[in-house]
Structures are given as structure tokens and as C-alpha cells.
Amino acid sequence: MTATTAPPVTTAGAPKPPAAKSDPQRHGRLAALLLAPTFVVLALVIAYPLISAIRESLYKKQDGLDANGFVVKGDKFVGIQNYADMFSGETGDRFWNAFWNTTFFTVTSLVLEILIGVSMAMVMHHALRGKGLVRASILVPWAIPTAVSAIMWQFIFRADGVANEILHSQILWTTEGFQAKLAVIIADVWKTAPFVGLLVLAGLQIIPNDVYEAARVDGASGWKQFWRITLPLVKPALLVAILFRGLDALRMFDLPYVMIGRRKESVETLSMLAQDQASNLNIGPAAAYALVLFIYVAVVAYAFVKLLGADILGDARARAKENKERKARMATA
């Protein structure tokens, strides 16, 4: 017998394997091309006003006479003087008062809106009859314009209004004092708690009933089901509600401005302070106040995202690492 050997296999002239259909680099270029118009619009409506505000904050309006007795007009470059003046003297007292008012309104309103909104969502989720009517009616306070809502609550909190009739008192709600803060918080919670409730309700409706049935079989009480099942699974929707309402409350302007009035120490916020400076043609200080508020909002938003577990930057790094590894595998294949 003679042994036979198979002929060697040659790869010359063999057809190359087809390229992968999903090329991340090609898709990335296509995504950048499609998003380019959006980036241009964002640059016009966000980047340009921000750069203009930074520039304006470095100037200050000149008033008075020069050394020769002539009237001085125009803006003068003062660098960071507008920011330094913000934290000192009478201007500093007003700024810190507005800062603490803004923070107090944000924290208090947000806590109350979360508690009331989650309660409303739980009631709407378990209601068997009239769900559509309840959801439509609960949207009414949120749909009312803020200025109209402020005027309505202003009538309620008048000296001879409904609030004092119910309490059998003569509280001056719309004047200086803690009662003015309380009136603003009540009006704000009444208007925006339904918004939180609807967002949480959307999260509740995607939770399968099998999870609750399994928990009941295991003997879990209603309170344990709420803490161990409902809250963890509704967390993404609740995070969105907290972010939206927290950032909106930090920019609060129209409700206290219309309801209580301008230059009221009890309710003046950073937005009201910036608007007051701009109305007096102090554009430089107004731009400085607006930029400080912008930084405050950005820091709070970042803190919310990190503390509540939405690691956006971490997810982006993980995706970038995965794409790099995929390219390396395709290159060696």
C-alpha cells in the first residue's frame, strides 16, 4: 500500500471574507453628519449667548463725570470686579439672600412634589374606574400658565381671600415674611406635583405584575413591595422627574415675581435679581448673576446624576472601550 497525501491548500487568489456590515467608524461618521445641523442650531442658541454673557459680565456701565467734568457714558472693562462685588457689601447681602431663597424653594418644593407626586401616581395606577378622567383632570394645574396660576393664588392669599377665610385669620401672605415663602411653595407644589406624578405613573406602568405576585407569594407586605420593588424599578422615571423639577425650581422667577412682587427680600431669587439689574440697565452685573446661576444649575444637575446612579460619563467610557475592542478583533480577524 502507498500512502497518499492531500494537496496543500493555497490561499492565493481566494476571495476575501466580506467586510462586516456594521462598521462602527462608518456609522459614527454618518451619525456626526446627521447631527451636524443640530449642533449648529445649539451653537447659535446656547454657545453664542453664553459667550456673549461672559463678555458682558466683564464690563460695567459708567456713570458720573470724568476729571475734566464731562459726562462719562458707555461701558468700561472691569474684569472680575462684577463677580467680586457680588460677594461683598450690600450687594453681597442681597446676593446671598437670593441664593438661599433659591435653594430653599428648590429643596422644599422638590421634596413635597416627590412625596405628593409619587402618592398621586400610586393612586392613579391602582384606580380601577375613571383612570382617564383622573389623569386628564390632574394635568389641569400643570397646564395652566405660571403667570395665570400666580394671579389666581394671589387672590386666594389676599387679606380677605379664601385662605384667611378657611384659617379664620388675617395673615398678610403677599408681604414680607416667612408666610410669603410658604405661599410661593404652596402655589408651586400645587402646579407641578401633577407633572411628577405623571412621570412616575409612566414608570409604574412598565413594571410587570408577575413581580408583585411573586413577592406576595413570598409573604412580602405592601410596604416591603414598595421599597424593594416599586422604588428600584421606577427609579429611572423618578430620576427624570427630579432633574426636570429641580432645574426648573432653580430658575424660579415668574411665580414669586407675579404673586408677591419685585424687590421683596423674602422671595427674591437669583433669576429675579438678574432681571432687576438688567431692567436698571446694569447689563454687566446682570450677566454676572446669570452666569453664577448657570454654574449653580450645572453643578446641581451633575450632582443629581451622580448621586442618583445615572453614570452618563461611565456609560460613555464603557461604550468607547467596547468599540475599541471590537475594532481590534476585526483587525486581527
C-alpha atoms as a PDB file:
ATOM      1  CA  MET A   1       0.000   0.000   0.000  1.00  0.00           C
ATOM      2  CA  THR A   2       1.108   3.512  -0.747  1.00  0.00           C
ATOM      3  CA  ALA A   3       0.100   6.466   1.403  1.00  0.00           C
ATOM      4  CA  THR A   4      -1.391   9.445  -0.347  1.00  0.00           C
ATOM      5  CA  THR A   5      -1.226  12.975   0.966  1.00  0.00           C
ATOM      6  CA  ALA A   6      -3.710  15.722   0.346  1.00  0.00           C
ATOM      7  CA  PRO A   7      -2.505  18.599  -1.813  1.00  0.00           C
ATOM      8  CA  PRO A   8      -1.590  21.720   0.134  1.00  0.00           C
ATOM      9  CA  VAL A   9      -4.259  24.338   0.377  1.00  0.00           C
ATOM     10  CA  THR A  10      -3.230  27.652  -1.110  1.00  0.00           C
ATOM     11  CA  THR A  11      -4.851  30.933  -0.228  1.00  0.00           C
ATOM     12  CA  ALA A  12      -3.599  32.843  -3.221  1.00  0.00           C
ATOM     13  CA  GLY A  13      -6.446  34.181  -5.255  1.00  0.00           C
ATOM     14  CA  ALA A  14      -9.019  33.090  -2.685  1.00  0.00           C
ATOM     15  CA  PRO A  15     -11.888  35.544  -2.226  1.00  0.00           C
ATOM     16  CA  LYS A  16     -11.595  37.732   0.841  1.00  0.00           C
ATOM     17  CA  PRO A  17     -14.269  37.452   3.519  1.00  0.00           C
ATOM     18  CA  PRO A  18     -16.960  40.079   3.207  1.00  0.00           C
ATOM     19  CA  ALA A  19     -16.483  43.162   5.333  1.00  0.00           C
ATOM     20  CA  ALA A  20     -18.569  43.442   8.420  1.00  0.00           C
ATOM     21  CA  LYS A  21     -21.899  45.064   7.754  1.00  0.00           C
ATOM     22  CA  SER A  22     -21.826  47.081  10.984  1.00  0.00           C
ATOM     23  CA  ASP A  23     -18.710  49.246  10.879  1.00  0.00           C
ATOM     24  CA  PRO A  24     -18.675  51.459  13.997  1.00  0.00           C
ATOM     25  CA  GLN A  25     -16.397  54.033  12.359  1.00  0.00           C
ATOM     26  CA  ARG A  26     -18.648  54.405   9.330  1.00  0.00           C
ATOM     27  CA  HIS A  27     -21.742  54.629  11.490  1.00  0.00           C
ATOM     28  CA  GLY A  28     -20.003  57.228  13.661  1.00  0.00           C
ATOM     29  CA  ARG A  29     -19.287  59.406  10.628  1.00  0.00           C
ATOM     30  CA  LEU A  30     -22.877  59.073   9.466  1.00  0.00           C
ATOM     31  CA  ALA A  31     -24.199  59.979  12.915  1.00  0.00           C
ATOM     32  CA  ALA A  32     -21.938  63.048  13.062  1.00  0.00           C
ATOM     33  CA  LEU A  33     -23.146  64.131   9.616  1.00  0.00           C
ATOM     34  CA  LEU A  34     -26.801  63.744  10.575  1.00  0.00           C
ATOM     35  CA  LEU A  35     -26.309  65.564  13.893  1.00  0.00           C
ATOM     36  CA  ALA A  36     -24.340  68.449  12.368  1.00  0.00           C
ATOM     37  CA  PRO A  37     -27.424  70.672  11.775  1.00  0.00           C
ATOM     38  CA  THR A  38     -28.496  70.121  15.397  1.00  0.00           C
ATOM     39  CA  PHE A  39     -25.041  71.100  16.639  1.00  0.00           C
ATOM     40  CA  VAL A  40     -25.145  74.265  14.537  1.00  0.00           C
ATOM     41  CA  VAL A  41     -28.508  75.260  15.999  1.00  0.00           C
ATOM     42  CA  LEU A  42     -27.311  74.512  19.541  1.00  0.00           C
ATOM     43  CA  ALA A  43     -24.221  76.630  18.937  1.00  0.00           C
ATOM     44  CA  LEU A  44     -26.417  79.543  17.842  1.00  0.00           C
ATOM     45  CA  VAL A  45     -28.955  79.359  20.663  1.00  0.00           C
ATOM     46  CA  ILE A  46     -26.678  78.210  23.525  1.00  0.00           C
ATOM     47  CA  ALA A  47     -22.989  78.759  22.848  1.00  0.00           C
ATOM     48  CA  TYR A  48     -23.263  82.258  21.365  1.00  0.00           C
ATOM     49  CA  PRO A  49     -25.491  83.677  24.162  1.00  0.00           C
ATOM     50  CA  LEU A  50     -23.228  82.066  26.778  1.00  0.00           C
ATOM     51  CA  ILE A  51     -20.093  83.594  25.267  1.00  0.00           C
ATOM     52  CA  SER A  52     -21.864  86.955  24.981  1.00  0.00           C
ATOM     53  CA  ALA A  53     -22.905  86.794  28.643  1.00  0.00           C
ATOM     54  CA  ILE A  54     -19.326  86.024  29.701  1.00  0.00           C
ATOM     55  CA  ARG A  55     -18.109  89.024  27.722  1.00  0.00           C
ATOM     56  CA  GLU A  56     -20.794  91.357  29.101  1.00  0.00           C
ATOM     57  CA  SER A  57     -20.018  90.279  32.676  1.00  0.00           C
ATOM     58  CA  LEU A  58     -16.534  91.773  32.306  1.00  0.00           C
ATOM     59  CA  TYR A  59     -17.877  95.274  31.625  1.00  0.00           C
ATOM     60  CA  LYS A  60     -19.716  97.810  33.754  1.00  0.00           C
ATOM     61  CA  LYS A  61     -21.772 100.869  32.919  1.00  0.00           C
ATOM     62  CA  GLN A  62     -20.031 104.160  33.659  1.00  0.00           C
ATOM     63  CA  ASP A  63     -21.860 106.963  35.441  1.00  0.00           C
ATOM     64  CA  GLY A  64     -20.779 110.394  36.612  1.00  0.00           C
ATOM     65  CA  LEU A  65     -18.132 112.851  35.416  1.00  0.00           C
ATOM     66  CA  ASP A  66     -14.537 112.457  34.362  1.00  0.00           C
ATOM     67  CA  ALA A  67     -11.580 114.601  35.538  1.00  0.00           C
ATOM     68  CA  ASN A  68     -12.496 117.356  33.078  1.00  0.00           C
ATOM     69  CA  GLY A  69     -16.144 117.498  34.172  1.00  0.00           C
ATOM     70  CA  PHE A  70     -17.587 115.785  31.114  1.00  0.00           C
ATOM     71  CA  VAL A  71     -20.352 113.205  31.423  1.00  0.00           C
ATOM     72  CA  VAL A  72     -18.981 109.699  31.077  1.00  0.00           C
ATOM     73  CA  LYS A  73     -21.078 107.252  29.066  1.00  0.00           C
ATOM     74  CA  GLY A  74     -20.571 103.751  27.786  1.00  0.00           C
ATOM     75  CA  ASP A  75     -19.223 100.558  29.294  1.00  0.00           C
ATOM     76  CA  LYS A  76     -15.848 100.144  30.951  1.00  0.00           C
ATOM     77  CA  PHE A  77     -13.832  96.930  31.148  1.00  0.00           C
ATOM     78  CA  VAL A  78     -13.618  95.954  34.830  1.00  0.00           C
ATOM     79  CA  GLY A  79     -12.540  92.293  34.617  1.00  0.00           C
ATOM     80  CA  ILE A  80     -13.888  90.236  37.501  1.00  0.00           C
ATOM     81  CA  GLN A  81     -14.993  93.252  39.527  1.00  0.00           C
ATOM     82  CA  ASN A  82     -18.674  92.422  38.938  1.00  0.00           C
ATOM     83  CA  TYR A  83     -18.099  88.994  40.470  1.00  0.00           C
ATOM     84  CA  ALA A  84     -16.101  90.424  43.381  1.00  0.00           C
ATOM     85  CA  ASP A  85     -18.824  92.994  44.127  1.00  0.00           C
ATOM     86  CA  MET A  86     -21.372  90.205  44.147  1.00  0.00           C
ATOM     87  CA  PHE A  87     -19.961  88.727  47.353  1.00  0.00           C
ATOM     88  CA  SER A  88     -19.250  91.870  49.362  1.00  0.00           C
ATOM     89  CA  GLY A  89     -21.094  94.755  50.981  1.00  0.00           C
ATOM     90  CA  GLU A  90     -24.777  95.457  50.468  1.00  0.00           C
ATOM     91  CA  THR A  91     -24.700  93.781  47.066  1.00  0.00           C
ATOM     92  CA  GLY A  92     -23.300  90.646  48.683  1.00  0.00           C
ATOM     93  CA  ASP A  93     -26.064  90.601  51.306  1.00  0.00           C
ATOM     94  CA  ARG A  94     -28.674  90.778  48.576  1.00  0.00           C
ATOM     95  CA  PHE A  95     -26.961  88.089  46.527  1.00  0.00           C
ATOM     96  CA  TRP A  96     -26.690  85.627  49.422  1.00  0.00           C
ATOM     97  CA  ASN A  97     -30.306  86.287  50.365  1.00  0.00           C
ATOM     98  CA  ALA A  98     -31.390  85.475  46.804  1.00  0.00           C
ATOM     99  CA  PHE A  99     -29.109  82.422  46.745  1.00  0.00           C
ATOM    100  CA  TRP A 100     -30.573  80.966  49.953  1.00  0.00           C
ATOM    101  CA  ASN A 101     -34.112  81.775  48.823  1.00  0.00           C
ATOM    102  CA  THR A 102     -33.485  79.911  45.562  1.00  0.00           C
ATOM    103  CA  THR A 103     -32.009  76.924  47.392  1.00  0.00           C
ATOM    104  CA  PHE A 104     -34.815  76.864  49.974  1.00  0.00           C
ATOM    105  CA  PHE A 105     -37.523  76.981  47.314  1.00  0.00           C
ATOM    106  CA  THR A 106     -35.811  74.234  45.315  1.00  0.00           C
ATOM    107  CA  VAL A 107     -35.242  71.799  48.174  1.00  0.00           C
ATOM    108  CA  THR A 108     -38.617  72.321  49.885  1.00  0.00           C
ATOM    109  CA  SER A 109     -40.696  72.264  46.708  1.00  0.00           C
ATOM    110  CA  LEU A 110     -38.843  69.254  45.305  1.00  0.00           C
ATOM    111  CA  VAL A 111     -39.291  67.147  48.460  1.00  0.00           C
ATOM    112  CA  LEU A 112     -43.013  67.949  48.669  1.00  0.00           C
ATOM    113  CA  GLU A 113     -43.562  67.371  44.953  1.00  0.00           C
ATOM    114  CA  ILE A 114     -41.833  63.984  45.072  1.00  0.00           C
ATOM    115  CA  LEU A 115     -43.909  62.833  48.055  1.00  0.00           C
ATOM    116  CA  ILE A 116     -47.191  64.106  46.635  1.00  0.00           C
ATOM    117  CA  GLY A 117     -46.383  63.091  43.050  1.00  0.00           C
ATOM    118  CA  VAL A 118     -45.456  59.503  43.968  1.00  0.00           C
ATOM    119  CA  SER A 119     -48.624  59.228  46.091  1.00  0.00           C
ATOM    120  CA  MET A 120     -50.734  60.511  43.204  1.00  0.00           C
ATOM    121  CA  ALA A 121     -49.070  58.059  40.814  1.00  0.00           C
ATOM    122  CA  MET A 122     -49.744  55.119  43.131  1.00  0.00           C
ATOM    123  CA  VAL A 123     -53.414  56.104  43.442  1.00  0.00           C
ATOM    124  CA  MET A 124     -53.822  56.548  39.667  1.00  0.00           C
ATOM    125  CA  HIS A 125     -52.015  53.281  38.971  1.00  0.00           C
ATOM    126  CA  HIS A 126     -54.303  51.207  41.207  1.00  0.00           C
ATOM    127  CA  ALA A 127     -57.558  53.002  40.430  1.00  0.00           C
ATOM    128  CA  LEU A 128     -59.950  50.735  38.529  1.00  0.00           C
ATOM    129  CA  ARG A 129     -62.563  53.184  37.325  1.00  0.00           C
ATOM    130  CA  GLY A 130     -62.190  56.592  35.757  1.00  0.00           C
ATOM    131  CA  LYS A 131     -58.474  56.345  35.110  1.00  0.00           C
ATOM    132  CA  GLY A 132     -58.650  58.527  32.028  1.00  0.00           C
ATOM    133  CA  LEU A 133     -60.714  61.214  33.759  1.00  0.00           C
ATOM    134  CA  VAL A 134     -58.382  61.281  36.753  1.00  0.00           C
ATOM    135  CA  ARG A 135     -55.269  61.605  34.575  1.00  0.00           C
ATOM    136  CA  ALA A 136     -56.821  64.346  32.454  1.00  0.00           C
ATOM    137  CA  SER A 137     -58.019  66.338  35.473  1.00  0.00           C
ATOM    138  CA  ILE A 138     -54.688  66.054  37.230  1.00  0.00           C
ATOM    139  CA  LEU A 139     -52.992  67.725  34.267  1.00  0.00           C
ATOM    140  CA  VAL A 140     -55.056  70.910  34.625  1.00  0.00           C
ATOM    141  CA  PRO A 141     -52.841  72.651  37.259  1.00  0.00           C
ATOM    142  CA  TRP A 142     -49.691  71.869  35.287  1.00  0.00           C
ATOM    143  CA  ALA A 143     -51.224  73.083  32.006  1.00  0.00           C
ATOM    144  CA  ILE A 144     -52.172  76.491  33.433  1.00  0.00           C
ATOM    145  CA  PRO A 145     -49.556  79.174  32.588  1.00  0.00           C
ATOM    146  CA  THR A 146     -47.431  80.086  35.594  1.00  0.00           C
ATOM    147  CA  ALA A 147     -48.367  83.780  35.466  1.00  0.00           C
ATOM    148  CA  VAL A 148     -52.081  82.920  35.456  1.00  0.00           C
ATOM    149  CA  SER A 149     -51.550  80.486  38.318  1.00  0.00           C
ATOM    150  CA  ALA A 150     -49.687  83.182  40.284  1.00  0.00           C
ATOM    151  CA  ILE A 151     -52.547  85.663  39.843  1.00  0.00           C
ATOM    152  CA  MET A 152     -55.084  83.045  40.929  1.00  0.00           C
ATOM    153  CA  TRP A 153     -53.109  82.222  44.084  1.00  0.00           C
ATOM    154  CA  GLN A 154     -52.627  85.923  44.721  1.00  0.00           C
ATOM    155  CA  PHE A 155     -56.398  86.273  45.006  1.00  0.00           C
ATOM    156  CA  ILE A 156     -56.536  83.230  47.275  1.00  0.00           C
ATOM    157  CA  PHE A 157     -53.875  84.651  49.614  1.00  0.00           C
ATOM    158  CA  ARG A 158     -55.282  88.172  49.816  1.00  0.00           C
ATOM    159  CA  ALA A 159     -56.092  89.559  53.245  1.00  0.00           C
ATOM    160  CA  ASP A 160     -59.785  88.913  52.547  1.00  0.00           C
ATOM    161  CA  GLY A 161     -59.143  85.838  50.430  1.00  0.00           C
ATOM    162  CA  VAL A 162     -60.146  82.205  50.676  1.00  0.00           C
ATOM    163  CA  ALA A 163     -57.045  81.137  52.633  1.00  0.00           C
ATOM    164  CA  ASN A 164     -57.731  83.505  55.514  1.00  0.00           C
ATOM    165  CA  GLU A 165     -61.438  82.609  55.460  1.00  0.00           C
ATOM    166  CA  ILE A 166     -60.576  78.927  55.875  1.00  0.00           C
ATOM    167  CA  LEU A 167     -57.998  79.601  58.586  1.00  0.00           C
ATOM    168  CA  HIS A 168     -60.152  82.279  60.297  1.00  0.00           C
ATOM    169  CA  SER A 169     -57.146  84.584  60.424  1.00  0.00           C
ATOM    170  CA  GLN A 170     -55.761  87.765  58.888  1.00  0.00           C
ATOM    171  CA  ILE A 171     -52.351  86.652  57.614  1.00  0.00           C
ATOM    172  CA  LEU A 172     -50.686  89.003  55.126  1.00  0.00           C
ATOM    173  CA  TRP A 173     -49.476  86.306  52.768  1.00  0.00           C
ATOM    174  CA  THR A 174     -48.241  88.540  49.931  1.00  0.00           C
ATOM    175  CA  THR A 175     -45.998  90.807  52.021  1.00  0.00           C
ATOM    176  CA  GLU A 176     -42.559  90.386  53.548  1.00  0.00           C
ATOM    177  CA  GLY A 177     -42.058  87.436  55.870  1.00  0.00           C
ATOM    178  CA  PHE A 178     -41.942  83.660  56.019  1.00  0.00           C
ATOM    179  CA  GLN A 179     -45.625  83.483  55.116  1.00  0.00           C
ATOM    180  CA  ALA A 180     -44.719  84.807  51.640  1.00  0.00           C
ATOM    181  CA  LYS A 181     -42.251  81.920  51.192  1.00  0.00           C
ATOM    182  CA  LEU A 182     -44.920  79.482  52.311  1.00  0.00           C
ATOM    183  CA  ALA A 183     -47.438  80.927  49.852  1.00  0.00           C
ATOM    184  CA  VAL A 184     -44.990  80.558  46.952  1.00  0.00           C
ATOM    185  CA  ILE A 185     -44.184  76.969  47.910  1.00  0.00           C
ATOM    186  CA  ILE A 186     -47.868  76.029  48.133  1.00  0.00           C
ATOM    187  CA  ALA A 187     -48.580  77.531  44.712  1.00  0.00           C
ATOM    188  CA  ASP A 188     -45.538  75.877  43.139  1.00  0.00           C
ATOM    189  CA  VAL A 189     -46.294  72.432  44.588  1.00  0.00           C
ATOM    190  CA  TRP A 190     -49.940  72.667  43.506  1.00  0.00           C
ATOM    191  CA  LYS A 191     -48.893  73.443  39.942  1.00  0.00           C
ATOM    192  CA  THR A 192     -46.029  70.999  39.390  1.00  0.00           C
ATOM    193  CA  ALA A 193     -46.723  67.949  41.601  1.00  0.00           C
ATOM    194  CA  PRO A 194     -49.026  66.501  38.875  1.00  0.00           C
ATOM    195  CA  PHE A 195     -46.095  66.608  36.439  1.00  0.00           C
ATOM    196  CA  VAL A 196     -44.020  64.460  38.797  1.00  0.00           C
ATOM    197  CA  GLY A 197     -46.998  62.167  39.324  1.00  0.00           C
ATOM    198  CA  LEU A 198     -47.464  61.546  35.595  1.00  0.00           C
ATOM    199  CA  LEU A 199     -43.782  60.775  35.042  1.00  0.00           C
ATOM    200  CA  VAL A 200     -43.772  58.310  37.936  1.00  0.00           C
ATOM    201  CA  LEU A 201     -47.024  56.789  36.651  1.00  0.00           C
ATOM    202  CA  ALA A 202     -45.340  56.100  33.301  1.00  0.00           C
ATOM    203  CA  GLY A 203     -42.617  54.226  35.169  1.00  0.00           C
ATOM    204  CA  LEU A 204     -45.127  52.249  37.225  1.00  0.00           C
ATOM    205  CA  GLN A 205     -46.981  51.007  34.154  1.00  0.00           C
ATOM    206  CA  ILE A 206     -43.954  49.159  32.763  1.00  0.00           C
ATOM    207  CA  ILE A 207     -43.456  47.083  35.917  1.00  0.00           C
ATOM    208  CA  PRO A 208     -44.858  43.562  35.295  1.00  0.00           C
ATOM    209  CA  ASN A 209     -47.490  42.283  37.714  1.00  0.00           C
ATOM    210  CA  ASP A 210     -45.674  38.947  37.964  1.00  0.00           C
ATOM    211  CA  VAL A 211     -43.056  40.606  40.168  1.00  0.00           C
ATOM    212  CA  TYR A 212     -45.680  41.697  42.706  1.00  0.00           C
ATOM    213  CA  GLU A 213     -47.418  38.320  42.594  1.00  0.00           C
ATOM    214  CA  ALA A 214     -44.146  36.547  43.351  1.00  0.00           C
ATOM    215  CA  ALA A 215     -43.492  38.954  46.219  1.00  0.00           C
ATOM    216  CA  ARG A 216     -46.955  38.319  47.688  1.00  0.00           C
ATOM    217  CA  VAL A 217     -46.399  34.570  47.462  1.00  0.00           C
ATOM    218  CA  ASP A 218     -43.156  35.022  49.407  1.00  0.00           C
ATOM    219  CA  GLY A 219     -45.105  36.878  52.103  1.00  0.00           C
ATOM    220  CA  ALA A 220     -43.812  40.405  51.413  1.00  0.00           C
ATOM    221  CA  SER A 221     -46.003  43.149  52.839  1.00  0.00           C
ATOM    222  CA  GLY A 222     -47.175  46.137  50.820  1.00  0.00           C
ATOM    223  CA  TRP A 223     -44.557  48.382  52.405  1.00  0.00           C
ATOM    224  CA  LYS A 224     -41.738  45.940  51.512  1.00  0.00           C
ATOM    225  CA  GLN A 225     -43.059  45.648  47.969  1.00  0.00           C
ATOM    226  CA  PHE A 226     -42.936  49.430  47.673  1.00  0.00           C
ATOM    227  CA  TRP A 227     -39.351  49.718  48.966  1.00  0.00           C
ATOM    228  CA  ARG A 228     -37.888  46.575  47.358  1.00  0.00           C
ATOM    229  CA  ILE A 229     -39.755  46.511  44.027  1.00  0.00           C
ATOM    230  CA  THR A 230     -41.583  49.720  43.171  1.00  0.00           C
ATOM    231  CA  LEU A 231     -38.929  52.295  44.037  1.00  0.00           C
ATOM    232  CA  PRO A 232     -35.947  50.486  42.409  1.00  0.00           C
ATOM    233  CA  LEU A 233     -37.880  49.779  39.205  1.00  0.00           C
ATOM    234  CA  VAL A 234     -39.402  53.259  38.985  1.00  0.00           C
ATOM    235  CA  LYS A 235     -36.049  54.928  39.687  1.00  0.00           C
ATOM    236  CA  PRO A 236     -35.295  55.967  36.044  1.00  0.00           C
ATOM    237  CA  ALA A 237     -38.616  57.818  35.717  1.00  0.00           C
ATOM    238  CA  LEU A 238     -38.222  59.332  39.175  1.00  0.00           C
ATOM    239  CA  LEU A 239     -34.717  60.492  38.262  1.00  0.00           C
ATOM    240  CA  VAL A 240     -36.069  62.323  35.219  1.00  0.00           C
ATOM    241  CA  ALA A 241     -38.772  63.956  37.347  1.00  0.00           C
ATOM    242  CA  ILE A 242     -36.253  65.093  39.969  1.00  0.00           C
ATOM    243  CA  LEU A 243     -33.905  66.500  37.335  1.00  0.00           C
ATOM    244  CA  PHE A 244     -36.633  68.371  35.457  1.00  0.00           C
ATOM    245  CA  ARG A 245     -38.260  69.819  38.540  1.00  0.00           C
ATOM    246  CA  GLY A 246     -35.016  70.587  40.361  1.00  0.00           C
ATOM    247  CA  LEU A 247     -33.576  72.530  37.441  1.00  0.00           C
ATOM    248  CA  ASP A 248     -36.892  74.290  36.878  1.00  0.00           C
ATOM    249  CA  ALA A 249     -37.124  75.325  40.543  1.00  0.00           C
ATOM    250  CA  LEU A 250     -33.583  76.720  40.493  1.00  0.00           C
ATOM    251  CA  ARG A 251     -34.677  79.065  37.695  1.00  0.00           C
ATOM    252  CA  MET A 252     -37.828  80.156  39.525  1.00  0.00           C
ATOM    253  CA  PHE A 253     -38.836  83.665  38.511  1.00  0.00           C
ATOM    254  CA  ASP A 254     -42.376  84.268  37.309  1.00  0.00           C
ATOM    255  CA  LEU A 255     -44.300  82.728  40.218  1.00  0.00           C
ATOM    256  CA  PRO A 256     -42.843  84.869  43.068  1.00  0.00           C
ATOM    257  CA  TYR A 257     -42.460  87.885  40.769  1.00  0.00           C
ATOM    258  CA  VAL A 258     -46.153  87.980  39.823  1.00  0.00           C
ATOM    259  CA  MET A 259     -47.569  86.606  43.051  1.00  0.00           C
ATOM    260  CA  ILE A 260     -45.548  88.557  45.646  1.00  0.00           C
ATOM    261  CA  GLY A 261     -43.778  91.288  43.677  1.00  0.00           C
ATOM    262  CA  ARG A 262     -40.305  92.521  42.789  1.00  0.00           C
ATOM    263  CA  ARG A 263     -37.639  93.540  45.278  1.00  0.00           C
ATOM    264  CA  LYS A 264     -39.261  91.512  48.061  1.00  0.00           C
ATOM    265  CA  GLU A 265     -36.458  90.213  50.251  1.00  0.00           C
ATOM    266  CA  SER A 266     -38.442  87.194  51.421  1.00  0.00           C
ATOM    267  CA  VAL A 267     -38.925  85.689  47.962  1.00  0.00           C
ATOM    268  CA  GLU A 268     -36.276  87.252  45.718  1.00  0.00           C
ATOM    269  CA  THR A 269     -34.432  84.565  43.741  1.00  0.00           C
ATOM    270  CA  LEU A 270     -31.291  84.679  41.620  1.00  0.00           C
ATOM    271  CA  SER A 271     -33.332  84.974  38.434  1.00  0.00           C
ATOM    272  CA  MET A 272     -35.287  87.891  39.892  1.00  0.00           C
ATOM    273  CA  LEU A 273     -32.044  89.544  40.979  1.00  0.00           C
ATOM    274  CA  ALA A 274     -30.538  89.240  37.496  1.00  0.00           C
ATOM    275  CA  GLN A 275     -33.722  90.606  35.912  1.00  0.00           C
ATOM    276  CA  ASP A 276     -33.797  93.545  38.316  1.00  0.00           C
ATOM    277  CA  GLN A 277     -30.233  94.506  37.399  1.00  0.00           C
ATOM    278  CA  ALA A 278     -30.973  94.175  33.690  1.00  0.00           C
ATOM    279  CA  SER A 279     -34.116  96.339  33.979  1.00  0.00           C
ATOM    280  CA  ASN A 280     -31.914  99.079  35.500  1.00  0.00           C
ATOM    281  CA  LEU A 281     -29.533  98.745  32.509  1.00  0.00           C
ATOM    282  CA  ASN A 282     -26.789  97.245  34.684  1.00  0.00           C
ATOM    283  CA  ILE A 283     -26.016  94.680  31.995  1.00  0.00           C
ATOM    284  CA  GLY A 284     -22.614  93.672  33.374  1.00  0.00           C
ATOM    285  CA  PRO A 285     -23.791  92.745  36.902  1.00  0.00           C
ATOM    286  CA  ALA A 286     -26.913  91.124  35.437  1.00  0.00           C
ATOM    287  CA  ALA A 287     -24.762  88.918  33.186  1.00  0.00           C
ATOM    288  CA  ALA A 288     -22.574  88.006  36.174  1.00  0.00           C
ATOM    289  CA  TYR A 289     -25.638  86.952  38.196  1.00  0.00           C
ATOM    290  CA  ALA A 290     -26.935  84.928  35.253  1.00  0.00           C
ATOM    291  CA  LEU A 291     -23.602  83.121  34.836  1.00  0.00           C
ATOM    292  CA  VAL A 292     -23.413  82.299  38.539  1.00  0.00           C
ATOM    293  CA  LEU A 293     -26.927  80.853  38.301  1.00  0.00           C
ATOM    294  CA  PHE A 294     -25.908  78.884  35.198  1.00  0.00           C
ATOM    295  CA  ILE A 295     -22.932  77.376  37.051  1.00  0.00           C
ATOM    296  CA  TYR A 296     -25.137  76.612  40.060  1.00  0.00           C
ATOM    297  CA  VAL A 297     -27.667  74.795  37.878  1.00  0.00           C
ATOM    298  CA  ALA A 298     -24.918  72.843  36.087  1.00  0.00           C
ATOM    299  CA  VAL A 299     -23.310  71.736  39.368  1.00  0.00           C
ATOM    300  CA  VAL A 300     -26.652  70.662  40.847  1.00  0.00           C
ATOM    301  CA  ALA A 301     -27.569  68.737  37.683  1.00  0.00           C
ATOM    302  CA  TYR A 302     -24.240  66.897  37.717  1.00  0.00           C
ATOM    303  CA  ALA A 303     -24.611  66.106  41.418  1.00  0.00           C
ATOM    304  CA  PHE A 304     -28.139  64.746  40.859  1.00  0.00           C
ATOM    305  CA  VAL A 305     -26.955  62.497  38.052  1.00  0.00           C
ATOM    306  CA  LYS A 306     -24.001  61.131  40.038  1.00  0.00           C
ATOM    307  CA  LEU A 307     -25.816  60.672  43.351  1.00  0.00           C
ATOM    308  CA  LEU A 308     -28.865  59.023  41.820  1.00  0.00           C
ATOM    309  CA  GLY A 309     -26.831  56.491  39.883  1.00  0.00           C
ATOM    310  CA  ALA A 310     -27.058  57.646  36.278  1.00  0.00           C
ATOM    311  CA  ASP A 311     -23.362  57.423  35.414  1.00  0.00           C
ATOM    312  CA  ILE A 312     -23.541  59.010  31.986  1.00  0.00           C
ATOM    313  CA  LEU A 313     -19.782  59.515  31.625  1.00  0.00           C
ATOM    314  CA  GLY A 314     -19.084  55.994  32.833  1.00  0.00           C
ATOM    315  CA  ASP A 315     -21.510  54.525  30.298  1.00  0.00           C
ATOM    316  CA  ALA A 316     -19.890  56.562  27.542  1.00  0.00           C
ATOM    317  CA  ARG A 317     -16.421  55.311  28.506  1.00  0.00           C
ATOM    318  CA  ALA A 318     -17.671  51.717  28.584  1.00  0.00           C
ATOM    319  CA  ARG A 319     -19.157  52.067  25.087  1.00  0.00           C
ATOM    320  CA  ALA A 320     -15.944  53.643  23.774  1.00  0.00           C
ATOM    321  CA  LYS A 321     -13.889  50.802  25.259  1.00  0.00           C
ATOM    322  CA  GLU A 322     -16.232  48.213  23.742  1.00  0.00           C
ATOM    323  CA  ASN A 323     -15.970  49.831  20.292  1.00  0.00           C
ATOM    324  CA  LYS A 324     -12.162  49.873  20.539  1.00  0.00           C
ATOM    325  CA  GLU A 325     -12.076  46.185  21.447  1.00  0.00           C
ATOM    326  CA  ARG A 326     -14.425  45.367  18.573  1.00  0.00           C
ATOM    327  CA  LYS A 327     -12.164  47.189  16.104  1.00  0.00           C
ATOM    328  CA  ALA A 328      -9.140  45.327  17.453  1.00  0.00           C
ATOM    329  CA  ARG A 329     -10.887  41.963  16.972  1.00  0.00           C
ATOM    330  CA  MET A 330     -11.902  42.906  13.410  1.00  0.00           C
ATOM    331  CA  ALA A 331      -8.327  43.945  12.616  1.00  0.00           C
ATOM    332  CA  THR A 332      -6.884  40.622  13.798  1.00  0.00           C
ATOM    333  CA  ALA A 333      -9.617  38.500  12.182  1.00  0.00           C
END
